[in-house]
Amino acid sequence: MDDYESLKHTKWECKYHVVFIPKCRRKRLYAQLRQHLGEVFRRLAQQKESQLLEGHLIVDHVHTLISIPPKYAVSQVVG
């Protein structure tokens, strides 16, 4: 039970695999954006009390593993 997060009355572990794909799978993610995307995704996740656990940048898309508290919908955090 130590690996779970907790709120007042619950223990939880909600992890989601989210894939971001640019329009028409343009191959621009590897250029100058690559150096900044990790920090941008981390900051955006922290705004909704979420945590970016893992991320992989492929040439035309990004795989992320995000831990999101149950009080937020996945669509709220990703949107």
C-alpha atoms as a PDB file:
ATOM      1  CA  MET A   1       0.000   0.000   0.000  1.00  0.00           C
ATOM      2  CA  ASP A   2       2.990   2.331   0.213  1.00  0.00           C
ATOM      3  CA  ASP A   3       3.065   2.938  -3.550  1.00  0.00           C
ATOM      4  CA  TYR A   4      -0.417   4.456  -3.613  1.00  0.00           C
ATOM      5  CA  GLU A   5      -1.263   8.131  -3.348  1.00  0.00           C
ATOM      6  CA  SER A   6      -3.936   9.164  -0.867  1.00  0.00           C
ATOM      7  CA  LEU A   7      -6.687  11.698  -0.425  1.00  0.00           C
ATOM      8  CA  LYS A   8      -8.825  12.071   2.712  1.00  0.00           C
ATOM      9  CA  HIS A   9     -10.816   8.864   2.312  1.00  0.00           C
ATOM     10  CA  THR A  10      -9.171   7.010  -0.556  1.00  0.00           C
ATOM     11  CA  LYS A  11      -5.966   5.428  -1.723  1.00  0.00           C
ATOM     12  CA  TRP A  12      -5.349   5.585  -5.454  1.00  0.00           C
ATOM     13  CA  GLU A  13      -2.943   4.809  -8.263  1.00  0.00           C
ATOM     14  CA  CYS A  14      -4.230   6.155 -11.589  1.00  0.00           C
ATOM     15  CA  LYS A  15      -1.688   6.026 -14.387  1.00  0.00           C
ATOM     16  CA  TYR A  16      -2.561   6.698 -18.004  1.00  0.00           C
ATOM     17  CA  HIS A  17      -0.658   6.070 -21.227  1.00  0.00           C
ATOM     18  CA  VAL A  18      -1.294   9.115 -23.410  1.00  0.00           C
ATOM     19  CA  VAL A  19      -0.038   9.529 -26.968  1.00  0.00           C
ATOM     20  CA  PHE A  20       0.227  12.989 -28.541  1.00  0.00           C
ATOM     21  CA  ILE A  21       0.228  12.969 -32.337  1.00  0.00           C
ATOM     22  CA  PRO A  22       0.654  16.170 -34.381  1.00  0.00           C
ATOM     23  CA  LYS A  23      -1.642  16.820 -37.299  1.00  0.00           C
ATOM     24  CA  CYS A  24      -0.693  14.707 -40.335  1.00  0.00           C
ATOM     25  CA  ARG A  25       2.123  13.192 -38.203  1.00  0.00           C
ATOM     26  CA  ARG A  26       4.507  15.953 -39.177  1.00  0.00           C
ATOM     27  CA  LYS A  27       8.075  15.101 -38.324  1.00  0.00           C
ATOM     28  CA  ARG A  28       8.912  18.379 -36.588  1.00  0.00           C
ATOM     29  CA  LEU A  29       9.151  17.070 -33.022  1.00  0.00           C
ATOM     30  CA  TYR A  30      12.790  16.051 -33.374  1.00  0.00           C
ATOM     31  CA  ALA A  31      14.022  19.433 -34.518  1.00  0.00           C
ATOM     32  CA  GLN A  32      14.408  22.340 -32.098  1.00  0.00           C
ATOM     33  CA  LEU A  33      11.314  21.392 -30.062  1.00  0.00           C
ATOM     34  CA  ARG A  34      12.823  18.182 -28.687  1.00  0.00           C
ATOM     35  CA  GLN A  35      14.923  19.960 -26.071  1.00  0.00           C
ATOM     36  CA  HIS A  36      11.950  21.889 -24.650  1.00  0.00           C
ATOM     37  CA  LEU A  37       9.051  19.421 -24.828  1.00  0.00           C
ATOM     38  CA  GLY A  38       9.924  17.468 -21.669  1.00  0.00           C
ATOM     39  CA  GLU A  39       9.943  20.554 -19.475  1.00  0.00           C
ATOM     40  CA  VAL A  40       6.746  21.898 -21.067  1.00  0.00           C
ATOM     41  CA  PHE A  41       4.873  18.620 -20.456  1.00  0.00           C
ATOM     42  CA  ARG A  42       6.081  18.495 -16.829  1.00  0.00           C
ATOM     43  CA  ARG A  43       4.947  22.057 -16.118  1.00  0.00           C
ATOM     44  CA  LEU A  44       1.534  21.460 -17.705  1.00  0.00           C
ATOM     45  CA  ALA A  45       1.030  18.283 -15.657  1.00  0.00           C
ATOM     46  CA  GLN A  46       1.937  20.073 -12.412  1.00  0.00           C
ATOM     47  CA  GLN A  47      -0.755  22.694 -13.051  1.00  0.00           C
ATOM     48  CA  LYS A  48      -3.387  19.972 -12.580  1.00  0.00           C
ATOM     49  CA  GLU A  49      -1.599  18.266  -9.650  1.00  0.00           C
ATOM     50  CA  SER A  50      -0.503  15.467 -12.001  1.00  0.00           C
ATOM     51  CA  GLN A  51       2.922  13.965 -12.495  1.00  0.00           C
ATOM     52  CA  LEU A  52       4.681  13.012 -15.719  1.00  0.00           C
ATOM     53  CA  LEU A  53       6.277   9.663 -14.852  1.00  0.00           C
ATOM     54  CA  GLU A  54       7.767   8.692 -18.191  1.00  0.00           C
ATOM     55  CA  GLY A  55       7.929  10.010 -21.728  1.00  0.00           C
ATOM     56  CA  HIS A  56       9.336   8.894 -25.045  1.00  0.00           C
ATOM     57  CA  LEU A  57       9.672  11.196 -28.020  1.00  0.00           C
ATOM     58  CA  ILE A  58       9.397   9.412 -31.354  1.00  0.00           C
ATOM     59  CA  VAL A  59       9.968  11.176 -34.682  1.00  0.00           C
ATOM     60  CA  ASP A  60       6.270  11.865 -35.277  1.00  0.00           C
ATOM     61  CA  HIS A  61       4.545  11.376 -31.883  1.00  0.00           C
ATOM     62  CA  VAL A  62       5.090  11.421 -28.098  1.00  0.00           C
ATOM     63  CA  HIS A  63       4.279   8.626 -25.605  1.00  0.00           C
ATOM     64  CA  THR A  64       3.739   9.710 -21.995  1.00  0.00           C
ATOM     65  CA  LEU A  65       2.832   7.957 -18.751  1.00  0.00           C
ATOM     66  CA  ILE A  66       0.929  10.385 -16.534  1.00  0.00           C
ATOM     67  CA  SER A  67      -0.266   9.907 -12.959  1.00  0.00           C
ATOM     68  CA  ILE A  68      -3.530  11.839 -12.591  1.00  0.00           C
ATOM     69  CA  PRO A  69      -5.490  12.222  -9.314  1.00  0.00           C
ATOM     70  CA  PRO A  70      -9.042  10.822  -9.468  1.00  0.00           C
ATOM     71  CA  LYS A  71     -10.559  14.243  -8.845  1.00  0.00           C
ATOM     72  CA  TYR A  72      -9.519  15.296 -12.381  1.00  0.00           C
ATOM     73  CA  ALA A  73     -10.796  13.778 -15.605  1.00  0.00           C
ATOM     74  CA  VAL A  74      -8.141  12.660 -18.060  1.00  0.00           C
ATOM     75  CA  SER A  75      -9.634  15.008 -20.648  1.00  0.00           C
ATOM     76  CA  GLN A  76      -9.166  17.992 -18.277  1.00  0.00           C
ATOM     77  CA  VAL A  77      -5.464  17.285 -17.830  1.00  0.00           C
ATOM     78  CA  VAL A  78      -4.685  16.356 -21.428  1.00  0.00           C
ATOM     79  CA  GLY A  79      -6.824  19.138 -22.887  1.00  0.00           C
END
